[in-house]
Amino acid sequence: MKIVVWQTAFLGDLILSTPLFHSIKNLFPDSKLYVIAKPFGKQVLKNNPYVDELIIFDKSKDSTFSLIKRLRKEKFDIAISPHRSHRAAYSLFLSGIPFRVGFDKAGFSFLYSKTIPHRFDGTHEIDRNLSLLKVFPEYSEDKLHKIPELFLTEEEDKSYQKYGLKDKDYILIAPGSKWNTKRWTVEGFREVIKALMENENIVLIGGEEDLPFTQKIISLLKNKPLNLVGKTNLRESFSLIKHAKALISNDSAPVHMAVAFNTPVVDIYGPTITDFGFYPYRNGIVVEVKGLKCRPCGLHGHNECPTGTFECMQDITPDMVLNGLKNLME
């Protein structure tokens, strides 16, 4: 049996889909599992024993028609799509795959053979994705795996050591986000770093795109943390998160990396809400300002605050984050 899963959403979404891949293999141990993902899938799914083959699809560069041709050639028996795009629905349909499962809120959901309810009601994304498997007679709660997984080689696992760091002897901070409004304030991060550096080793991580924001944070600090923003690849970031004492992050992919390694994580929420289902699945705490009528202002946040106040982040104080970390570590 050949099964394909379509997940071309963001980095965090792919990490949160790894329990689905593991569970599919538990339900169908003799199947061959393919995953369609963005280019970062090579790093996220490297060494994953539950994925037999990765199909890279970058919608900004790759031809959807060519992908459909390949899928038709592979002759899959089953397609499962946690991704709710129109492209996923019509591509899988045109690929001639006889049994296709998706969410009822997906674009062109009528093109799926079976649909499962999708609601933003506090159900975690992991559990929501796993609900897609309920349509199969083989489904069993006992066969579900619910924790994200990232598989490092022995050498990759030790890569954090090249920065002079020791296991569980530093706190990581990931200040960046693809969306401007999902970033906590420069002043907030600066004060937290300043307070923590009195007793802790602090390390900053993120992509090159996070460098300008990070520079604003550390430019006025007398004592500088170890700044690895833009200096590590994704696999090295996994190692840094795995061996950290704790992580402080905006509502973004590093949170789910921390969950995969059971690293305690403080998750700072601004324009988004936990009802969307992307909160830490385990060993985490959410810091947020409740009661704001403007929250949520969107599923992913915005580049600018729609109300112009940015209350959801401005009203989060350094003490709220520090107390969250303290409670998490007790």
Protein backbone atom coordinates (compact mmCIF):
# COMPACT_ATOMS: atom_id res chain seq x y z
CA MET A 1 0.00 0.00 0.00
CA LYS A 2 1.26 3.47 -0.90
CA ILE A 3 0.18 6.49 1.15
CA VAL A 4 0.97 10.15 0.55
CA VAL A 5 0.55 13.01 3.04
CA TRP A 6 0.35 16.61 1.79
CA GLN A 7 1.81 19.12 4.28
CA THR A 8 3.21 22.22 2.58
CA ALA A 9 2.37 24.68 5.36
CA PHE A 10 4.88 26.41 7.66
CA LEU A 11 7.84 24.86 9.47
CA GLY A 12 5.94 24.46 12.73
CA ASP A 13 3.05 22.77 10.93
CA LEU A 14 5.38 20.15 9.46
CA ILE A 15 6.91 19.43 12.88
CA LEU A 16 3.41 19.06 14.33
CA SER A 17 2.60 16.59 11.54
CA THR A 18 5.33 14.14 12.55
CA PRO A 19 3.00 12.37 15.03
CA LEU A 20 0.64 11.78 12.09
CA PHE A 21 3.42 10.12 10.08
CA HIS A 22 4.36 7.85 12.99
CA SER A 23 0.71 6.96 13.62
CA ILE A 24 0.10 6.12 9.95
CA LYS A 25 2.96 3.63 10.11
CA ASN A 26 1.51 2.17 13.31
CA LEU A 27 -1.85 1.65 11.60
CA PHE A 28 -0.37 0.48 8.31
CA PRO A 29 3.02 -1.08 9.16
CA ASP A 30 3.51 -2.55 5.67
CA SER A 31 2.74 0.68 3.84
CA LYS A 32 5.16 2.95 2.02
CA LEU A 33 4.70 6.52 3.22
CA TYR A 34 5.50 9.56 1.09
CA VAL A 35 5.33 13.16 2.37
CA ILE A 36 4.93 16.27 0.23
CA ALA A 37 6.58 19.23 1.97
CA LYS A 38 8.44 22.50 1.40
CA PRO A 39 12.26 22.47 1.02
CA PHE A 40 12.83 22.65 4.78
CA GLY A 41 11.28 19.19 4.90
CA LYS A 42 14.73 17.79 4.09
CA GLN A 43 15.98 19.05 7.45
CA VAL A 44 12.86 18.34 9.49
CA LEU A 45 12.36 14.79 8.23
CA LYS A 46 16.01 13.74 7.92
CA ASN A 47 16.48 10.31 9.56
CA ASN A 48 12.75 10.02 10.26
CA PRO A 49 12.15 6.23 10.19
CA TYR A 50 8.43 6.64 9.48
CA VAL A 51 8.81 8.54 6.19
CA ASP A 52 9.93 6.40 3.27
CA GLU A 53 10.21 9.14 0.69
CA LEU A 54 10.06 12.94 0.69
CA ILE A 55 8.63 14.89 -2.24
CA ILE A 56 9.76 18.51 -2.16
CA PHE A 57 7.27 21.05 -3.49
CA ASP A 58 7.91 24.79 -3.40
CA LYS A 59 4.80 26.48 -4.75
CA SER A 60 6.76 29.65 -5.58
CA LYS A 61 9.07 27.75 -7.94
CA ASP A 62 7.74 24.30 -8.74
CA SER A 63 5.04 23.34 -11.21
CA THR A 64 1.84 21.98 -9.73
CA PHE A 65 1.16 20.23 -13.05
CA SER A 66 4.52 18.41 -12.82
CA LEU A 67 3.75 17.35 -9.26
CA ILE A 68 0.36 15.97 -10.31
CA LYS A 69 2.03 14.01 -13.11
CA ARG A 70 4.46 12.48 -10.62
CA LEU A 71 1.69 11.58 -8.19
CA ARG A 72 -0.28 9.91 -11.00
CA LYS A 73 2.80 7.91 -11.95
CA GLU A 74 3.33 6.73 -8.35
CA LYS A 75 -0.21 5.28 -8.20
CA PHE A 76 -0.95 5.97 -4.55
CA ASP A 77 -3.76 4.14 -2.78
CA ILE A 78 -4.45 6.76 -0.10
CA ALA A 79 -3.89 10.51 0.25
CA ILE A 80 -4.17 12.38 3.57
CA SER A 81 -4.00 16.16 3.76
CA PRO A 82 -3.77 18.05 7.05
CA HIS A 83 -3.06 21.11 4.88
CA ARG A 84 -6.30 22.94 4.05
CA SER A 85 -5.31 24.54 0.76
CA HIS A 86 -7.28 24.46 -2.48
CA ARG A 87 -4.09 23.30 -4.24
CA ALA A 88 -3.82 20.20 -2.05
CA ALA A 89 -7.43 19.19 -2.69
CA TYR A 90 -7.44 19.56 -6.47
CA SER A 91 -3.92 18.18 -6.92
CA LEU A 92 -4.69 15.00 -5.02
CA PHE A 93 -7.99 14.64 -6.87
CA LEU A 94 -6.37 15.10 -10.30
CA SER A 95 -3.65 12.63 -9.32
CA GLY A 96 -6.22 9.85 -9.52
CA ILE A 97 -5.69 8.68 -5.94
CA PRO A 98 -8.80 6.59 -5.17
CA PHE A 99 -9.17 7.44 -1.45
CA ARG A 100 -8.48 10.99 -0.24
CA VAL A 101 -8.97 12.34 3.28
CA GLY A 102 -9.01 16.01 4.29
CA PHE A 103 -10.73 18.55 6.53
CA ASP A 104 -14.23 19.88 5.91
CA LYS A 105 -12.93 23.46 6.14
CA ALA A 106 -10.30 22.87 3.45
CA GLY A 107 -10.51 24.66 0.13
CA PHE A 108 -12.41 22.49 -2.40
CA SER A 109 -13.15 19.99 0.39
CA PHE A 110 -15.80 18.41 -1.85
CA LEU A 111 -12.93 16.84 -3.81
CA TYR A 112 -12.01 14.60 -0.87
CA SER A 113 -13.49 11.12 -0.53
CA LYS A 114 -13.96 11.65 3.20
CA THR A 115 -13.76 14.76 5.35
CA ILE A 116 -13.23 15.26 9.07
CA PRO A 117 -14.47 18.31 11.05
CA HIS A 118 -11.90 21.08 11.54
CA ARG A 119 -12.61 23.54 14.37
CA PHE A 120 -10.58 26.14 16.26
CA ASP A 121 -12.01 25.09 19.62
CA GLY A 122 -8.85 24.53 21.64
CA THR A 123 -8.14 21.12 20.15
CA HIS A 124 -4.40 20.85 19.63
CA GLU A 125 -3.16 20.69 16.03
CA ILE A 126 -1.56 17.30 16.75
CA ASP A 127 -4.89 15.81 17.85
CA ARG A 128 -6.70 17.56 15.00
CA ASN A 129 -4.35 16.00 12.45
CA LEU A 130 -4.66 12.58 14.04
CA SER A 131 -8.46 12.81 13.75
CA LEU A 132 -8.00 12.37 9.97
CA LEU A 133 -7.18 8.74 10.66
CA LYS A 134 -10.61 8.02 12.18
CA VAL A 135 -12.03 7.23 8.74
CA PHE A 136 -9.96 4.05 8.50
CA PRO A 137 -11.16 0.68 9.88
CA GLU A 138 -7.63 0.15 11.22
CA TYR A 139 -7.96 3.20 13.50
CA SER A 140 -7.16 2.62 17.17
CA GLU A 141 -6.35 5.13 19.89
CA ASP A 142 -3.71 2.73 21.17
CA LYS A 143 -1.80 3.01 17.91
CA LEU A 144 -1.59 6.80 17.89
CA HIS A 145 1.66 8.58 18.60
CA LYS A 146 1.13 12.13 19.87
CA ILE A 147 4.56 13.69 20.40
CA PRO A 148 6.48 15.54 17.62
CA GLU A 149 9.74 13.87 16.63
CA LEU A 150 13.03 15.17 15.25
CA PHE A 151 15.84 12.66 14.73
CA LEU A 152 19.45 13.79 15.15
CA THR A 153 22.56 11.82 14.34
CA GLU A 154 25.09 11.43 17.14
CA GLU A 155 27.28 14.09 15.54
CA GLU A 156 24.37 16.50 15.06
CA ASP A 157 23.27 15.93 18.63
CA LYS A 158 26.62 17.22 19.89
CA SER A 159 26.78 20.26 17.61
CA TYR A 160 25.73 22.60 20.45
CA GLN A 161 29.10 21.89 22.09
CA LYS A 162 31.05 23.75 19.41
CA TYR A 163 29.78 27.00 20.93
CA GLY A 164 31.30 26.14 24.31
CA LEU A 165 27.92 25.23 25.79
CA LYS A 166 27.16 22.53 28.32
CA ASP A 167 24.08 20.33 28.50
CA LYS A 168 21.17 22.00 30.35
CA ASP A 169 23.42 24.90 31.34
CA TYR A 170 21.89 27.70 29.26
CA ILE A 171 18.54 29.29 28.46
CA LEU A 172 17.62 29.87 24.83
CA ILE A 173 15.64 32.83 23.56
CA ALA A 174 14.10 32.87 20.07
CA PRO A 175 12.90 36.47 19.55
CA GLY A 176 11.95 36.23 15.88
CA SER A 177 8.84 35.42 13.89
CA LYS A 178 7.76 35.57 10.26
CA TRP A 179 4.99 37.98 11.34
CA ASN A 180 5.93 41.30 12.96
CA THR A 181 2.97 41.33 15.33
CA LYS A 182 3.87 37.88 16.68
CA ARG A 183 7.16 39.26 18.02
CA TRP A 184 7.18 40.44 21.60
CA THR A 185 8.65 43.89 22.15
CA VAL A 186 12.33 44.85 21.88
CA GLU A 187 12.18 46.34 25.37
CA GLY A 188 10.54 43.25 26.81
CA PHE A 189 13.13 40.85 25.46
CA ARG A 190 15.93 43.21 26.50
CA GLU A 191 14.76 43.39 30.13
CA VAL A 192 14.28 39.62 30.36
CA ILE A 193 17.77 38.99 29.00
CA LYS A 194 19.23 41.55 31.39
CA ALA A 195 17.51 39.93 34.39
CA LEU A 196 18.37 36.36 33.42
CA MET A 197 22.01 37.09 32.70
CA GLU A 198 22.60 37.80 36.38
CA ASN A 199 22.45 34.05 37.03
CA GLU A 200 22.10 32.25 33.69
CA ASN A 201 23.92 31.73 30.40
CA ILE A 202 21.71 33.18 27.67
CA VAL A 203 21.82 32.18 23.99
CA LEU A 204 19.80 33.75 21.17
CA ILE A 205 18.76 31.74 18.11
CA GLY A 206 16.88 32.43 14.90
CA GLY A 207 17.22 32.81 11.16
CA GLU A 208 19.03 35.52 9.22
CA GLU A 209 15.73 37.33 8.76
CA ASP A 210 15.60 37.81 12.55
CA LEU A 211 18.96 39.63 12.74
CA PRO A 212 17.69 43.25 12.51
CA PHE A 213 15.16 42.70 15.29
CA THR A 214 17.74 40.88 17.43
CA GLN A 215 20.29 43.69 16.98
CA LYS A 216 17.75 46.17 18.33
CA ILE A 217 17.34 44.00 21.42
CA ILE A 218 21.01 43.56 22.27
CA SER A 219 22.41 46.90 21.06
CA LEU A 220 21.81 48.64 24.39
CA LEU A 221 22.81 45.71 26.59
CA LYS A 222 26.03 46.19 28.51
CA ASN A 223 26.52 42.44 28.92
CA LYS A 224 25.83 40.65 25.66
CA PRO A 225 24.33 37.16 25.41
CA LEU A 226 25.72 34.60 22.97
CA ASN A 227 24.06 35.65 19.73
CA LEU A 228 23.69 32.74 17.28
CA VAL A 229 20.91 34.32 15.25
CA GLY A 230 21.60 33.64 11.58
CA LYS A 231 24.66 31.53 12.42
CA THR A 232 23.15 28.04 12.69
CA ASN A 233 21.33 25.76 10.30
CA LEU A 234 18.08 24.08 11.25
CA ARG A 235 19.69 20.84 12.45
CA GLU A 236 22.10 22.78 14.69
CA SER A 237 19.13 24.69 16.10
CA PHE A 238 17.53 21.37 16.99
CA SER A 239 20.63 20.42 18.97
CA LEU A 240 20.71 23.79 20.76
CA ILE A 241 17.06 23.44 21.75
CA LYS A 242 17.41 19.81 22.83
CA HIS A 243 20.23 20.59 25.26
CA ALA A 244 18.91 23.91 26.61
CA LYS A 245 17.64 24.27 30.15
CA ALA A 246 14.59 26.09 28.76
CA LEU A 247 13.38 28.10 25.76
CA ILE A 248 11.59 31.45 25.64
CA SER A 249 9.92 32.01 22.28
CA ASN A 250 7.15 33.80 20.47
CA ASP A 251 4.31 31.65 19.14
CA SER A 252 6.45 30.13 16.40
CA ALA A 253 8.21 26.96 15.21
CA PRO A 254 10.90 26.83 17.96
CA VAL A 255 8.10 26.11 20.46
CA HIS A 256 7.29 22.85 18.71
CA MET A 257 10.96 21.94 18.39
CA ALA A 258 11.20 22.29 22.16
CA VAL A 259 8.16 20.06 22.62
CA ALA A 260 9.80 17.40 20.45
CA PHE A 261 12.79 17.31 22.81
CA ASN A 262 10.74 17.87 25.99
CA THR A 263 12.62 21.11 26.68
CA PRO A 264 10.58 23.45 28.92
CA VAL A 265 9.21 26.33 26.86
CA VAL A 266 7.66 29.72 27.64
CA ASP A 267 5.41 30.60 24.70
CA ILE A 268 4.60 34.32 24.27
CA TYR A 269 1.21 34.88 22.64
CA GLY A 270 0.11 38.18 21.10
CA PRO A 271 -2.32 38.35 18.15
CA THR A 272 -3.04 34.62 18.19
CA ILE A 273 -4.89 32.56 20.80
CA THR A 274 -4.57 29.07 22.23
CA ASP A 275 -7.96 28.09 20.76
CA PHE A 276 -6.16 27.78 17.41
CA GLY A 277 -4.40 24.73 18.86
CA PHE A 278 -0.72 25.58 18.49
CA TYR A 279 0.20 25.91 22.17
CA PRO A 280 2.98 23.72 23.66
CA TYR A 281 1.71 20.13 23.70
CA ARG A 282 3.74 19.34 26.83
CA ASN A 283 6.20 20.95 29.26
CA GLY A 284 5.19 24.50 28.34
CA ILE A 285 3.45 27.61 29.59
CA VAL A 286 1.67 30.35 27.63
CA VAL A 287 2.11 34.03 28.54
CA GLU A 288 -0.64 36.24 27.15
CA VAL A 289 -2.92 39.20 27.86
CA LYS A 290 -6.46 37.89 28.20
CA GLY A 291 -9.67 39.83 27.69
CA LEU A 292 -8.63 41.96 24.70
CA LYS A 293 -11.53 42.23 22.25
CA CYS A 294 -9.15 42.55 19.31
CA ARG A 295 -7.62 39.09 19.90
CA PRO A 296 -7.31 37.17 17.72
CA CYS A 297 -6.77 39.54 14.80
CA GLY A 298 -5.90 36.67 12.47
CA LEU A 299 -4.70 33.10 12.27
CA HIS A 300 -1.05 34.10 11.77
CA GLY A 301 -0.85 37.69 12.96
CA HIS A 302 0.01 40.65 10.73
CA ASN A 303 2.94 42.80 9.75
CA GLU A 304 1.21 45.74 11.45
CA CYS A 305 -1.28 45.86 14.32
CA PRO A 306 -4.78 46.39 12.83
CA THR A 307 -5.81 48.65 15.75
CA GLY A 308 -2.50 50.51 15.92
CA THR A 309 -2.16 49.84 19.65
CA PHE A 310 -0.23 46.53 19.73
CA GLU A 311 -1.77 46.02 23.18
CA CYS A 312 -1.52 42.25 22.98
CA MET A 313 2.28 42.46 23.13
CA GLN A 314 2.87 45.88 24.73
CA ASP A 315 0.90 44.81 27.82
CA ILE A 316 3.02 41.69 28.39
CA THR A 317 5.58 42.68 31.01
CA PRO A 318 9.05 41.19 31.59
CA ASP A 319 7.83 39.98 34.98
CA MET A 320 5.05 37.98 33.32
CA VAL A 321 7.62 36.14 31.19
CA LEU A 322 10.10 35.71 34.06
CA ASN A 323 7.39 34.41 36.39
CA GLY A 324 6.21 32.03 33.68
CA LEU A 325 9.74 30.68 33.38
CA LYS A 326 10.07 30.40 37.17
CA ASN A 327 6.78 28.47 37.48
CA LEU A 328 7.77 26.19 34.62
CA MET A 329 11.15 25.36 36.14
CA GLU A 330 9.89 24.70 39.69
